[in-house]
Amino acid sequence: MSGAGPRENRLSSLGDSETVYVGAAVETAAESLIELYGLVGLDWVWIDLEHKNASPLDGTNLERLSRAGECGNVELVVRLPDSNPATVRKVLDAGVRNVVIPRIETATDLRRAAEACYFEYGDESGARGLSQGRSSGYGTAFLEDSASYYRTEDDAVQLGALIEEEQAVENLPAILDVPGLDFVFPGPGDLGVSMGHPLEYDHPAVSDRIEYVEETCRDRGIPMLGMYHSNFTGRGGIQQAIERGYRLLSVGNEYDFAAEILRERLSWFAE
């Protein structure tokens, strides 16, 4: 019998095509919802480990989330709480393939995390490290063909950077030059906070900075991730987001969906 890790990452071709991948957030990190999102046809699920949910160092929990994604044939896109290489390695070893690093301010910040994503980093050795975790089929994949396992893993990983600090915008060209960066998430919410304009998504200063990030990413051919309400709204907004260079689009989360349906059905009684 031959061992193997999880299936290939469908988001691996993100930078090589014009395909738009549709996702949604599971704010509660519920395994059943992750699986359900995949069963209804979504491509990816956003999991936030920075502001909520279990610790990213809880490998057992991460394995459950990764397994739910595989059962639903949907990819997990996980926001980490920091750029700590130990955190990056732990999440990848549990079977997650797509990680987003928050609070990036400099190219050095991102490179530190990027090196931990790969066994081979450019022409140098990476800092991923070997583990008998879920990503390797609990060791069965690399015991039979270690060289193939390393290459497959490095090809599967997709690294994203959250541009949500004013300092990051100023350092954007250098950040985008970091090897291994696959996509960018322009975050108007926290960017506004860093600029002294919390929750003012439409403030001219915040909008100008976001437009600069979008334009720079488009010029570099780097796809972007966008959240409904933050980066686009409504059907018309979806098309505009695509034209602006977004290739990963989230249509909301379970709180949004539940509130919308409940309001609609409660209105039946009011009528």
Protein backbone atom coordinates (compact mmCIF):
# COMPACT_ATOMS: atom_id res chain seq x y z
CA MET A 1 0.00 0.00 0.00
CA SER A 2 1.25 3.51 -0.74
CA GLY A 3 0.85 6.39 1.66
CA ALA A 4 -0.13 9.92 0.73
CA GLY A 5 -1.06 13.22 2.27
CA PRO A 6 -4.27 15.14 1.54
CA ARG A 7 -5.41 15.93 -2.00
CA GLU A 8 -3.92 18.67 -4.15
CA ASN A 9 -4.71 22.29 -3.35
CA ARG A 10 -7.19 23.68 -5.89
CA LEU A 11 -5.93 27.20 -5.13
CA SER A 12 -2.42 26.34 -6.30
CA SER A 13 -3.17 27.75 -9.74
CA LEU A 14 -4.34 31.07 -8.27
CA GLY A 15 -1.54 33.12 -9.81
CA ASP A 16 -1.63 31.39 -13.18
CA SER A 17 -5.23 31.90 -14.24
CA GLU A 18 -8.11 34.36 -14.30
CA THR A 19 -10.33 31.95 -12.38
CA VAL A 20 -12.31 33.48 -9.52
CA TYR A 21 -12.56 31.31 -6.42
CA VAL A 22 -15.65 31.88 -4.28
CA GLY A 23 -15.58 31.31 -0.55
CA ALA A 24 -17.23 32.23 2.74
CA ALA A 25 -16.13 32.55 6.34
CA VAL A 26 -16.96 30.12 9.10
CA GLU A 27 -16.58 32.48 12.06
CA THR A 28 -17.29 29.71 14.56
CA ALA A 29 -14.82 27.25 12.96
CA ALA A 30 -17.59 24.64 13.02
CA GLU A 31 -16.54 21.46 11.23
CA SER A 32 -20.05 20.74 9.98
CA LEU A 33 -20.32 24.19 8.38
CA ILE A 34 -16.92 23.82 6.71
CA GLU A 35 -18.09 20.57 5.16
CA LEU A 36 -21.49 22.05 4.23
CA TYR A 37 -19.88 25.04 2.49
CA GLY A 38 -17.97 22.64 0.30
CA LEU A 39 -21.00 20.50 -0.43
CA VAL A 40 -22.97 23.51 -1.71
CA GLY A 41 -20.14 24.37 -4.10
CA LEU A 42 -17.83 26.90 -2.48
CA ASP A 43 -14.12 26.71 -3.30
CA TRP A 44 -12.68 27.85 0.02
CA VAL A 45 -13.52 28.62 3.63
CA TRP A 46 -12.04 31.47 5.67
CA ILE A 47 -11.03 30.52 9.23
CA ASP A 48 -9.92 33.28 11.59
CA LEU A 49 -7.39 32.22 14.23
CA GLU A 50 -6.27 35.77 15.03
CA HIS A 51 -9.39 37.21 16.63
CA LYS A 52 -11.29 34.08 17.63
CA ASN A 53 -11.49 30.29 17.79
CA ALA A 54 -8.97 27.82 19.16
CA SER A 55 -5.25 28.38 19.37
CA PRO A 56 -3.32 27.77 16.14
CA LEU A 57 -0.99 25.65 18.27
CA ASP A 58 -3.81 23.18 18.91
CA GLY A 59 -2.78 20.63 16.28
CA THR A 60 -5.59 18.21 17.06
CA ASN A 61 -8.24 20.87 16.45
CA LEU A 62 -6.54 22.00 13.25
CA GLU A 63 -6.51 18.44 11.97
CA ARG A 64 -10.27 18.23 12.54
CA LEU A 65 -10.84 21.44 10.58
CA SER A 66 -8.56 20.25 7.79
CA ARG A 67 -10.34 16.90 7.67
CA ALA A 68 -13.73 18.63 7.44
CA GLY A 69 -12.46 20.63 4.47
CA GLU A 70 -11.31 17.49 2.75
CA CYS A 71 -14.66 15.78 3.40
CA GLY A 72 -16.44 18.73 1.78
CA ASN A 73 -13.83 19.10 -0.99
CA VAL A 74 -13.21 22.71 0.02
CA GLU A 75 -9.96 24.50 0.80
CA LEU A 76 -9.25 26.23 4.11
CA VAL A 77 -7.77 29.73 4.04
CA VAL A 78 -6.56 30.39 7.57
CA ARG A 79 -5.68 33.75 9.07
CA LEU A 80 -2.91 33.21 11.60
CA PRO A 81 -2.50 35.41 14.68
CA ASP A 82 1.10 36.36 13.85
CA SER A 83 4.11 35.65 11.64
CA ASN A 84 5.82 33.38 14.15
CA PRO A 85 7.48 30.54 12.20
CA ALA A 86 6.44 28.04 14.86
CA THR A 87 2.80 28.98 14.31
CA VAL A 88 3.14 28.74 10.54
CA ARG A 89 4.71 25.28 10.70
CA LYS A 90 2.13 23.97 13.17
CA VAL A 91 -0.80 24.97 10.95
CA LEU A 92 0.74 23.58 7.77
CA ASP A 93 1.66 20.29 9.42
CA ALA A 94 -1.99 19.84 10.41
CA GLY A 95 -2.98 19.80 6.73
CA VAL A 96 -3.83 23.45 6.04
CA ARG A 97 -2.43 24.65 2.72
CA ASN A 98 -3.43 28.34 2.57
CA VAL A 99 -2.25 30.73 5.28
CA VAL A 100 -2.66 34.49 5.63
CA ILE A 101 -0.19 36.45 7.75
CA PRO A 102 -1.65 39.50 9.57
CA ARG A 103 0.00 42.65 10.91
CA ILE A 104 2.70 42.68 8.24
CA GLU A 105 4.62 45.96 8.28
CA THR A 106 7.86 45.16 6.45
CA ALA A 107 9.27 42.70 3.94
CA THR A 108 11.29 41.19 6.79
CA ASP A 109 8.07 40.38 8.67
CA LEU A 110 6.68 38.49 5.69
CA ARG A 111 9.92 36.77 4.73
CA ARG A 112 10.19 35.32 8.24
CA ALA A 113 6.83 33.62 7.77
CA ALA A 114 7.47 32.69 4.13
CA GLU A 115 10.65 30.79 4.94
CA ALA A 116 8.68 28.67 7.42
CA CYS A 117 6.20 27.71 4.69
CA TYR A 118 8.71 25.93 2.47
CA PHE A 119 11.30 23.16 2.56
CA GLU A 120 13.13 24.91 -0.26
CA TYR A 121 12.98 28.69 -0.38
CA GLY A 122 14.30 30.04 -3.66
CA ASP A 123 17.83 28.72 -4.02
CA GLU A 124 18.18 28.18 -0.29
CA SER A 125 16.86 25.81 2.32
CA GLY A 126 13.55 26.80 3.82
CA ALA A 127 12.56 26.56 7.48
CA ARG A 128 9.49 24.31 7.15
CA GLY A 129 10.81 21.31 9.03
CA LEU A 130 9.75 17.68 8.79
CA SER A 131 6.74 16.28 10.65
CA GLN A 132 4.69 13.12 10.73
CA GLY A 133 1.55 15.23 10.74
CA ARG A 134 -1.56 15.17 8.63
CA SER A 135 0.09 17.02 5.74
CA SER A 136 2.41 14.05 5.20
CA GLY A 137 -0.20 11.35 5.70
CA TYR A 138 1.26 10.94 9.21
CA GLY A 139 4.65 10.22 7.72
CA THR A 140 3.62 7.72 5.06
CA ALA A 141 4.17 10.18 2.19
CA PHE A 142 7.78 11.09 2.87
CA LEU A 143 8.86 7.64 4.08
CA GLU A 144 8.31 6.29 0.57
CA ASP A 145 9.46 9.24 -1.53
CA SER A 146 10.80 12.15 0.51
CA ALA A 147 11.97 14.23 -2.46
CA SER A 148 8.57 14.07 -4.12
CA TYR A 149 6.86 14.94 -0.83
CA TYR A 150 8.95 18.08 -0.37
CA ARG A 151 8.23 19.31 -3.89
CA THR A 152 4.51 18.53 -3.65
CA GLU A 153 4.20 20.34 -0.34
CA ASP A 154 6.09 23.41 -1.52
CA ASP A 155 3.95 23.60 -4.66
CA ALA A 156 0.71 23.24 -2.66
CA VAL A 157 1.29 26.02 -0.13
CA GLN A 158 -0.35 29.37 -0.86
CA LEU A 159 0.87 32.30 1.23
CA GLY A 160 -1.13 35.47 1.70
CA ALA A 161 -0.28 38.78 3.36
CA LEU A 162 -2.82 40.99 5.09
CA ILE A 163 -2.06 44.63 4.27
CA GLU A 164 -3.80 46.35 7.15
CA GLU A 165 -1.16 48.67 8.61
CA GLU A 166 -0.24 52.12 7.29
CA GLN A 167 3.43 51.10 7.54
CA ALA A 168 2.72 48.09 5.32
CA VAL A 169 1.24 50.32 2.63
CA GLU A 170 4.36 52.47 2.68
CA ASN A 171 6.52 49.35 2.36
CA LEU A 172 4.26 47.61 -0.14
CA PRO A 173 6.67 47.32 -3.13
CA ALA A 174 9.28 45.59 -0.95
CA ILE A 175 6.65 43.33 0.61
CA LEU A 176 5.40 42.24 -2.80
CA ASP A 177 8.97 41.35 -3.77
CA VAL A 178 9.22 38.69 -1.04
CA PRO A 179 9.61 35.26 -2.70
CA GLY A 180 6.74 32.88 -2.04
CA LEU A 181 3.99 35.49 -1.71
CA ASP A 182 0.94 34.28 -3.63
CA PHE A 183 -1.85 36.76 -2.81
CA VAL A 184 -2.67 39.89 -0.84
CA PHE A 185 -5.66 40.73 1.32
CA PRO A 186 -6.17 44.52 1.50
CA GLY A 187 -7.82 45.09 4.88
CA PRO A 188 -9.65 48.43 5.03
CA GLY A 189 -11.00 47.83 8.53
CA ASP A 190 -7.74 47.57 10.45
CA LEU A 191 -6.00 49.91 8.02
CA GLY A 192 -8.54 52.54 9.01
CA VAL A 193 -7.79 51.85 12.67
CA SER A 194 -4.05 52.29 12.08
CA MET A 195 -4.78 55.61 10.34
CA GLY A 196 -7.09 56.90 13.07
CA HIS A 197 -10.31 56.23 11.14
CA PRO A 198 -11.87 53.11 12.70
CA LEU A 199 -14.87 51.68 10.79
CA GLU A 200 -14.67 54.56 8.29
CA TYR A 201 -14.28 52.34 5.24
CA ASP A 202 -15.17 55.16 2.86
CA HIS A 203 -12.92 57.79 4.41
CA PRO A 204 -10.93 59.34 1.52
CA ALA A 205 -7.57 58.66 3.18
CA VAL A 206 -8.41 54.99 3.73
CA SER A 207 -9.92 54.57 0.26
CA ASP A 208 -6.86 56.12 -1.35
CA ARG A 209 -4.54 53.71 0.45
CA ILE A 210 -6.66 50.70 -0.51
CA GLU A 211 -6.77 51.82 -4.14
CA TYR A 212 -2.99 52.15 -4.10
CA VAL A 213 -2.65 48.60 -2.77
CA GLU A 214 -5.02 47.29 -5.43
CA GLU A 215 -3.29 49.15 -8.26
CA THR A 216 0.17 48.02 -7.15
CA CYS A 217 -0.93 44.40 -6.87
CA ARG A 218 -2.55 44.52 -10.32
CA ASP A 219 0.64 45.96 -11.80
CA ARG A 220 2.65 43.13 -10.24
CA GLY A 221 0.15 40.46 -11.28
CA ILE A 222 -0.54 39.48 -7.67
CA PRO A 223 -4.13 38.33 -7.05
CA MET A 224 -6.10 39.64 -4.10
CA LEU A 225 -8.58 38.31 -1.57
CA GLY A 226 -11.69 40.34 -0.82
CA MET A 227 -14.41 40.13 1.82
CA TYR A 228 -18.05 41.05 1.22
CA HIS A 229 -18.89 44.37 2.94
CA SER A 230 -15.19 45.29 3.22
CA ASN A 231 -13.88 45.05 -0.33
CA PHE A 232 -17.11 44.83 -2.31
CA THR A 233 -20.89 44.81 -1.90
CA GLY A 234 -23.78 43.53 -4.00
CA ARG A 235 -23.82 41.86 -7.39
CA GLY A 236 -22.36 44.87 -9.15
CA GLY A 237 -19.59 45.00 -6.59
CA ILE A 238 -18.56 41.46 -7.42
CA GLN A 239 -17.84 42.35 -11.04
CA GLN A 240 -16.01 45.50 -10.00
CA ALA A 241 -13.90 43.51 -7.55
CA ILE A 242 -12.93 41.06 -10.27
CA GLU A 243 -11.94 43.95 -12.55
CA ARG A 244 -9.84 45.41 -9.72
CA GLY A 245 -7.86 42.18 -9.47
CA TYR A 246 -9.61 40.15 -6.78
CA ARG A 247 -9.53 36.39 -7.40
CA LEU A 248 -10.55 35.11 -3.96
CA LEU A 249 -13.98 36.49 -3.04
CA SER A 250 -15.80 35.73 0.20
CA VAL A 251 -19.57 36.19 0.10
CA GLY A 252 -20.07 36.47 3.87
CA ASN A 253 -20.29 34.27 6.96
CA GLU A 254 -22.80 32.23 8.88
CA TYR A 255 -23.85 35.22 11.00
CA ASP A 256 -24.67 37.19 7.84
CA PHE A 257 -26.58 34.29 6.33
CA ALA A 258 -28.54 33.50 9.50
CA ALA A 259 -29.46 37.15 10.14
CA GLU A 260 -30.62 37.66 6.55
CA ILE A 261 -32.79 34.54 6.47
CA LEU A 262 -34.24 35.17 9.94
CA ARG A 263 -35.18 38.77 9.09
CA GLU A 264 -36.79 37.61 5.88
CA ARG A 265 -38.86 34.90 7.58
CA LEU A 266 -39.83 37.09 10.51
CA SER A 267 -41.16 39.58 7.98
CA TRP A 268 -43.63 36.93 6.83
CA PHE A 269 -45.29 37.10 10.26
CA ALA A 270 -45.28 40.89 10.29
CA GLU A 271 -47.09 40.85 6.95
